[in-house]
Structures are given as C-alpha cells and as structure tokens.
Amino acid sequence: MKQLADNFWNFRGSFKIGGVLDIGTQMSLVRRSNGRFLMLDSYAVSDADKDSLLALTDNGAAVDAIINVHPFHTLYCRVAHRLAPTARLIGTRRHREQVPELPWESGVIEDVATQAEFAAELDFAVPSGLELVTSDDSVHASSVLARHRASGIVHVDDTLNVLAAPGLLKHILPQSRLRFHPMLGKALQARPGAANAFAGWARDLASQWAGTPIVCAAHSAVRRLPANGWRDEVSRALSGVEKTLAAHRSQHG
C-alpha cells in the first residue's frame, strides 16, 4: 500500500499466468471530501496491506463503493466485497454476468449516468471506437479509465500499459513509456470510422488530462511522469498504433 497523494493510495498485487509468470495486478483507494472512501478495482489484499486498508477505512465500513473498471478483471470481486460488505458494488455489464451472485448495483460504470454519481472525485473515460467486451476473452484493450480530480492521478487497466521488468530487475531496468494495448486492433469495432473515433478520443484524452503526474497501470507498474509527460506519452502511444489504425481504415473505411 503506497500513498501517492493526500487522498490517493495504490495497492500492487500478484497475478500469475499459469501459476508461473507474475504479471501483477492493482487496486486503488480514494478518500472523498466527506472523509469516506472509494475503491477502484478489486484485489485480495493481505498481511500488512490488508491491515492498513482496514485501519484506514474503519474495517471497510467507511468504503462507499467498490468501482470495478475493467470488464475482464473479475477474479477478486468476491474478496473485495468481503472486505467492504456494506459498500455499493459497481462494475461493468460483464462483471454482473460473470459474478451474478454478488449484490451489484443496477447502474454500470461504462454509463455516463453512473459515472456522474462520482464526479466530485473522479473523471472517467471510455475509449471511443473500441468494443468494451469482445467475443475473444483474451482481448483486454478497452476499459473505463479513472482520474482522481484532486491529485490528477490516473488509474487504468490494460488500455494503457507500462512495460516493466519483473522482480528485482524492475529496480535496474527502465520502464517503458505509456503504450496502448497490443491487441487494440482486435478490439476496434468492425465499422467505418472506428479507427478515427479511437484516434480522436486518444488525442482529446491527451489534452484533457494533461498535467497527470502519475499513472497506476495494470498490470505492471506505477509510472511517474515528467512535466507534459501525459500529453507526450499518450500522443506517442497513438503514433505507435497508427499502422493498426491504418489497416482498420483500409478494411472498414
């Protein structure tokens, strides 16, 4: 558990593919102006992290809502609900389908009306031109991005990646800049204009969230940005997928 700003904490966790390759996962905690809390994503925090979380949130009773922002990050929803059982449980439509026994709110976080309920603390962005959920469960390119308004910190799962070396090597080797998910091409909607819609969304996001000092990215890293780093790195990330977007334009228009 690391405090990254006055009212923002990030938890980094372990998530192993095939029980071997640890690609990591994350959860963030936001303190609201009324002193209560919002959790972003779900993770099975343990040991000292769990003790710190429960101490800060009155054993979970001070958590107003758990907001799950990536449709394919469903593994720890039950655990997070047990940590804060009185909190409102909010996710995407896929969360409700995959873990139907939990008491999900009827509103989903990809909808503007649900996002508006948390507008005092958080800004949200959903990529234009992408399918939030594709028919291929391995395609995780789209998600709901969240930005803490007071600190400017962005919490994002998969849509924007930071490549970081595993284990002790991450303290020696440099992180990558921000990059869009490598399976972006498979998430683009099969319609004319989808590539342009995504590019326009990315350019707007680079401008609207300029000044972002830190990005908490699943699965690998927290990235601290230099001045103008958000605008520059999102713009470079967009340039990095231009061939993918061009191929989509050639096929769909």
Protein backbone atom coordinates (compact mmCIF):
# COMPACT_ATOMS: atom_id res chain seq x y z
CA MET A 1 0.00 0.00 0.00
CA LYS A 2 1.57 3.25 -1.16
CA GLN A 3 0.15 6.70 -0.58
CA LEU A 4 0.70 8.60 -3.84
CA ALA A 5 -1.18 11.80 -2.89
CA ASP A 6 -3.04 13.24 0.10
CA ASN A 7 -6.18 11.25 -0.67
CA PHE A 8 -4.99 8.52 -3.02
CA TRP A 9 -3.40 5.12 -2.30
CA ASN A 10 -2.39 2.31 -4.65
CA PHE A 11 -2.03 -1.40 -3.91
CA ARG A 12 0.14 -3.63 -6.09
CA GLY A 13 -0.57 -7.35 -6.08
CA SER A 14 0.47 -10.65 -7.59
CA PHE A 15 -1.35 -12.28 -10.50
CA LYS A 16 0.32 -15.30 -12.08
CA ILE A 17 -0.44 -16.70 -15.51
CA GLY A 18 -0.30 -20.47 -15.41
CA GLY A 19 0.91 -20.20 -11.84
CA VAL A 20 4.34 -19.11 -13.06
CA LEU A 21 4.54 -15.72 -14.83
CA ASP A 22 3.62 -12.95 -12.40
CA ILE A 23 2.18 -10.03 -14.38
CA GLY A 24 0.81 -8.26 -11.30
CA THR A 25 -2.47 -6.53 -10.62
CA GLN A 26 -3.67 -3.45 -8.74
CA MET A 27 -6.32 -1.68 -6.72
CA SER A 28 -6.56 1.98 -5.70
CA LEU A 29 -8.25 3.78 -2.83
CA VAL A 30 -9.61 7.35 -2.92
CA ARG A 31 -10.65 9.38 0.11
CA ARG A 32 -13.66 11.57 -0.62
CA SER A 33 -14.16 15.13 0.62
CA ASN A 34 -16.53 13.79 3.31
CA GLY A 35 -13.80 11.52 4.67
CA ARG A 36 -15.27 8.31 3.29
CA PHE A 37 -13.69 6.17 0.57
CA LEU A 38 -13.99 4.70 -2.92
CA MET A 39 -12.12 1.61 -4.07
CA LEU A 40 -11.07 1.31 -7.70
CA ASP A 41 -10.91 -2.33 -8.80
CA SER A 42 -10.84 -5.43 -6.63
CA TYR A 43 -7.87 -7.29 -5.22
CA ALA A 44 -7.25 -9.78 -2.40
CA VAL A 45 -5.02 -7.57 -0.27
CA SER A 46 -3.30 -9.43 2.54
CA ASP A 47 -0.99 -9.08 5.53
CA ALA A 48 0.21 -5.51 6.21
CA ASP A 49 -1.68 -4.08 3.23
CA LYS A 50 -4.94 -5.56 4.45
CA ASP A 51 -4.34 -4.30 8.00
CA SER A 52 -3.59 -0.80 6.70
CA LEU A 53 -6.65 -0.75 4.46
CA LEU A 54 -8.99 -1.87 7.22
CA ALA A 55 -7.48 0.55 9.74
CA LEU A 56 -7.91 3.46 7.35
CA THR A 57 -11.49 2.56 6.39
CA ASP A 58 -12.97 1.57 9.78
CA ASN A 59 -12.75 -2.14 8.89
CA GLY A 60 -14.30 -1.44 5.49
CA ALA A 61 -17.37 0.32 6.88
CA ALA A 62 -16.17 3.71 5.56
CA VAL A 63 -15.99 2.49 1.94
CA ASP A 64 -18.92 3.95 0.00
CA ALA A 65 -18.37 2.00 -3.22
CA ILE A 66 -16.15 -0.53 -4.95
CA ILE A 67 -15.89 0.53 -8.60
CA ASN A 68 -14.62 -2.17 -10.98
CA VAL A 69 -13.41 -0.56 -14.19
CA HIS A 70 -12.15 -3.42 -16.38
CA PRO A 71 -14.70 -5.95 -17.61
CA PHE A 72 -12.21 -8.82 -17.61
CA HIS A 73 -10.84 -8.21 -14.11
CA THR A 74 -13.38 -10.26 -12.18
CA LEU A 75 -11.28 -12.75 -10.20
CA TYR A 76 -11.16 -10.83 -6.92
CA CYS A 77 -14.63 -9.27 -6.84
CA ARG A 78 -15.87 -11.66 -4.17
CA VAL A 79 -12.85 -10.98 -1.94
CA ALA A 80 -13.19 -7.21 -2.22
CA HIS A 81 -16.87 -7.45 -1.37
CA ARG A 82 -15.99 -9.37 1.80
CA LEU A 83 -13.52 -6.62 2.76
CA ALA A 84 -16.21 -3.94 2.50
CA PRO A 85 -19.57 -5.75 2.52
CA THR A 86 -21.67 -2.62 3.03
CA ALA A 87 -20.10 -0.76 0.09
CA ARG A 88 -22.04 -0.29 -3.12
CA LEU A 89 -20.74 -2.77 -5.67
CA ILE A 90 -20.38 -1.30 -9.15
CA GLY A 91 -18.91 -2.87 -12.26
CA THR A 92 -19.40 -3.26 -15.98
CA ARG A 93 -22.13 -5.38 -17.52
CA ARG A 94 -19.66 -8.26 -17.77
CA HIS A 95 -18.98 -8.16 -14.02
CA ARG A 96 -22.65 -8.70 -13.36
CA GLU A 97 -22.72 -11.61 -15.82
CA GLN A 98 -19.56 -13.29 -14.53
CA VAL A 99 -20.22 -12.97 -10.79
CA PRO A 100 -24.03 -12.82 -10.67
CA GLU A 101 -24.35 -13.85 -7.02
CA LEU A 102 -22.88 -10.56 -5.76
CA PRO A 103 -25.19 -7.60 -4.98
CA TRP A 104 -24.28 -5.46 -7.98
CA GLU A 105 -25.83 -2.05 -8.45
CA SER A 106 -28.13 -1.83 -11.47
CA GLY A 107 -26.09 1.05 -12.96
CA VAL A 108 -22.85 0.10 -14.71
CA ILE A 109 -19.67 2.15 -14.74
CA GLU A 110 -19.42 2.43 -18.53
CA ASP A 111 -22.62 4.52 -18.47
CA VAL A 112 -22.37 8.29 -18.07
CA ALA A 113 -25.19 8.39 -15.51
CA THR A 114 -23.31 6.06 -13.15
CA GLN A 115 -20.05 7.94 -13.64
CA ALA A 116 -21.81 11.21 -12.76
CA GLU A 117 -22.51 9.92 -9.24
CA PHE A 118 -18.78 10.13 -8.50
CA ALA A 119 -17.99 13.31 -10.44
CA ALA A 120 -16.86 15.22 -7.35
CA GLU A 121 -13.85 12.91 -7.00
CA LEU A 122 -13.35 11.13 -10.32
CA ASP A 123 -13.32 11.75 -14.05
CA PHE A 124 -13.92 8.76 -16.31
CA ALA A 125 -13.12 7.97 -19.94
CA VAL A 126 -14.27 5.08 -22.12
CA PRO A 127 -12.36 4.62 -25.41
CA SER A 128 -14.36 5.51 -28.50
CA GLY A 129 -14.26 3.08 -31.42
CA LEU A 130 -13.49 0.03 -29.27
CA GLU A 131 -15.68 -2.80 -28.08
CA LEU A 132 -15.61 -2.77 -24.29
CA VAL A 133 -16.13 -6.55 -24.38
CA THR A 134 -15.21 -8.57 -27.44
CA SER A 135 -16.11 -12.16 -28.28
CA ASP A 136 -12.45 -13.09 -27.68
CA ASP A 137 -11.79 -13.24 -23.93
CA SER A 138 -8.08 -12.60 -24.49
CA VAL A 139 -8.71 -9.09 -25.87
CA HIS A 140 -8.49 -6.66 -22.96
CA ALA A 141 -7.76 -3.44 -24.85
CA SER A 142 -10.74 -1.46 -23.64
CA SER A 143 -11.69 -0.44 -20.12
CA VAL A 144 -13.03 2.51 -18.16
CA LEU A 145 -10.17 4.85 -17.24
CA ALA A 146 -10.47 6.84 -13.99
CA ARG A 147 -8.70 10.05 -12.98
CA HIS A 148 -8.64 11.35 -9.43
CA ARG A 149 -9.56 15.00 -9.82
CA ALA A 150 -7.75 16.34 -6.74
CA SER A 151 -4.37 14.76 -7.48
CA GLY A 152 -4.61 14.16 -11.23
CA ILE A 153 -3.57 10.52 -10.79
CA VAL A 154 -4.89 8.13 -13.46
CA HIS A 155 -5.90 4.54 -12.65
CA VAL A 156 -6.02 2.41 -15.80
CA ASP A 157 -6.20 -1.31 -16.51
CA ASP A 158 -4.75 -2.68 -19.76
CA THR A 159 -5.90 0.06 -22.15
CA LEU A 160 -2.66 1.91 -21.45
CA ASN A 161 0.27 -0.28 -20.46
CA VAL A 162 3.63 0.34 -18.85
CA LEU A 163 6.20 -2.34 -19.57
CA ALA A 164 8.41 -3.01 -16.56
CA ALA A 165 10.92 -5.75 -15.83
CA PRO A 166 9.84 -8.40 -13.31
CA GLY A 167 11.22 -8.90 -9.82
CA LEU A 168 14.45 -7.18 -8.80
CA LEU A 169 15.15 -6.19 -12.40
CA LYS A 170 12.44 -3.52 -12.26
CA HIS A 171 14.71 -1.50 -9.97
CA ILE A 172 17.52 -1.64 -12.54
CA LEU A 173 15.90 -1.52 -15.96
CA PRO A 174 13.83 1.49 -17.03
CA GLN A 175 10.07 1.39 -17.51
CA SER A 176 8.61 1.86 -20.94
CA ARG A 177 6.60 4.89 -21.83
CA LEU A 178 2.83 4.53 -21.93
CA ARG A 179 1.62 2.23 -24.70
CA PHE A 180 -1.79 1.18 -25.92
CA HIS A 181 -2.72 -2.46 -25.51
CA PRO A 182 -1.06 -4.70 -28.12
CA MET A 183 -4.42 -6.27 -29.06
CA LEU A 184 -6.01 -2.92 -29.85
CA GLY A 185 -6.66 -3.97 -33.45
CA LYS A 186 -8.90 -6.84 -32.34
CA ALA A 187 -10.95 -4.52 -30.12
CA LEU A 188 -11.72 -1.94 -32.81
CA GLN A 189 -15.37 -2.01 -33.79
CA ALA A 190 -15.97 -3.54 -37.22
CA ARG A 191 -17.48 -0.40 -38.73
CA PRO A 192 -16.38 2.57 -40.82
CA GLY A 193 -14.88 5.35 -38.76
CA ALA A 194 -13.96 3.29 -35.69
CA ALA A 195 -10.23 3.88 -36.14
CA ASN A 196 -10.76 7.62 -36.48
CA ALA A 197 -13.07 7.63 -33.46
CA PHE A 198 -10.37 5.99 -31.34
CA ALA A 199 -7.66 8.35 -32.58
CA GLY A 200 -9.84 11.36 -31.83
CA TRP A 201 -10.60 10.04 -28.36
CA ALA A 202 -6.90 9.49 -27.63
CA ARG A 203 -5.96 12.99 -28.79
CA ASP A 204 -8.71 14.51 -26.65
CA LEU A 205 -7.61 12.48 -23.64
CA ALA A 206 -4.00 13.59 -24.07
CA SER A 207 -5.19 17.18 -23.93
CA GLN A 208 -7.99 16.99 -21.35
CA TRP A 209 -5.94 15.08 -18.78
CA ALA A 210 -2.71 16.99 -19.42
CA GLY A 211 -0.83 17.54 -16.20
CA THR A 212 -1.37 13.98 -14.96
CA PRO A 213 1.60 13.33 -12.66
CA ILE A 214 1.23 9.57 -12.06
CA VAL A 215 -0.33 6.63 -13.89
CA CYS A 216 -1.26 3.49 -11.95
CA ALA A 217 -1.25 0.87 -14.68
CA ALA A 218 -2.25 -2.76 -14.56
CA HIS A 219 -0.60 -4.96 -14.59
CA SER A 220 2.97 -3.88 -14.17
CA ALA A 221 3.78 -0.51 -12.69
CA VAL A 222 3.15 2.91 -11.26
CA ARG A 223 4.63 5.44 -13.68
CA ARG A 224 5.65 8.91 -12.50
CA LEU A 225 5.53 11.33 -15.40
CA PRO A 226 7.65 14.40 -16.10
CA ALA A 227 6.08 17.75 -16.89
CA ASN A 228 3.92 17.36 -20.02
CA GLY A 229 4.58 13.63 -19.80
CA TRP A 230 0.94 12.56 -20.09
CA ARG A 231 0.30 14.57 -23.24
CA ASP A 232 3.57 13.49 -24.82
CA GLU A 233 3.35 9.80 -23.95
CA VAL A 234 -0.30 9.33 -24.91
CA SER A 235 0.45 11.09 -28.21
CA ARG A 236 3.43 8.80 -28.80
CA ALA A 237 1.32 5.80 -27.87
CA LEU A 238 -1.20 6.84 -30.52
CA SER A 239 1.57 7.16 -33.11
CA GLY A 240 2.69 3.67 -32.11
CA VAL A 241 -0.64 2.14 -33.18
CA GLU A 242 -1.03 4.10 -36.40
CA LYS A 243 -0.30 1.04 -38.57
CA THR A 244 -3.06 -0.84 -36.75
CA LEU A 245 -5.48 2.04 -37.28
CA ALA A 246 -4.48 2.36 -40.94
CA ALA A 247 -5.11 -1.35 -41.52
CA HIS A 248 -8.57 -0.99 -39.98
CA ARG A 249 -9.34 2.01 -42.21
CA SER A 250 -8.28 0.01 -45.27
CA GLN A 251 -10.62 -2.81 -44.35
CA HIS A 252 -13.63 -0.90 -42.99
CA GLY A 253 -13.28 2.66 -44.22
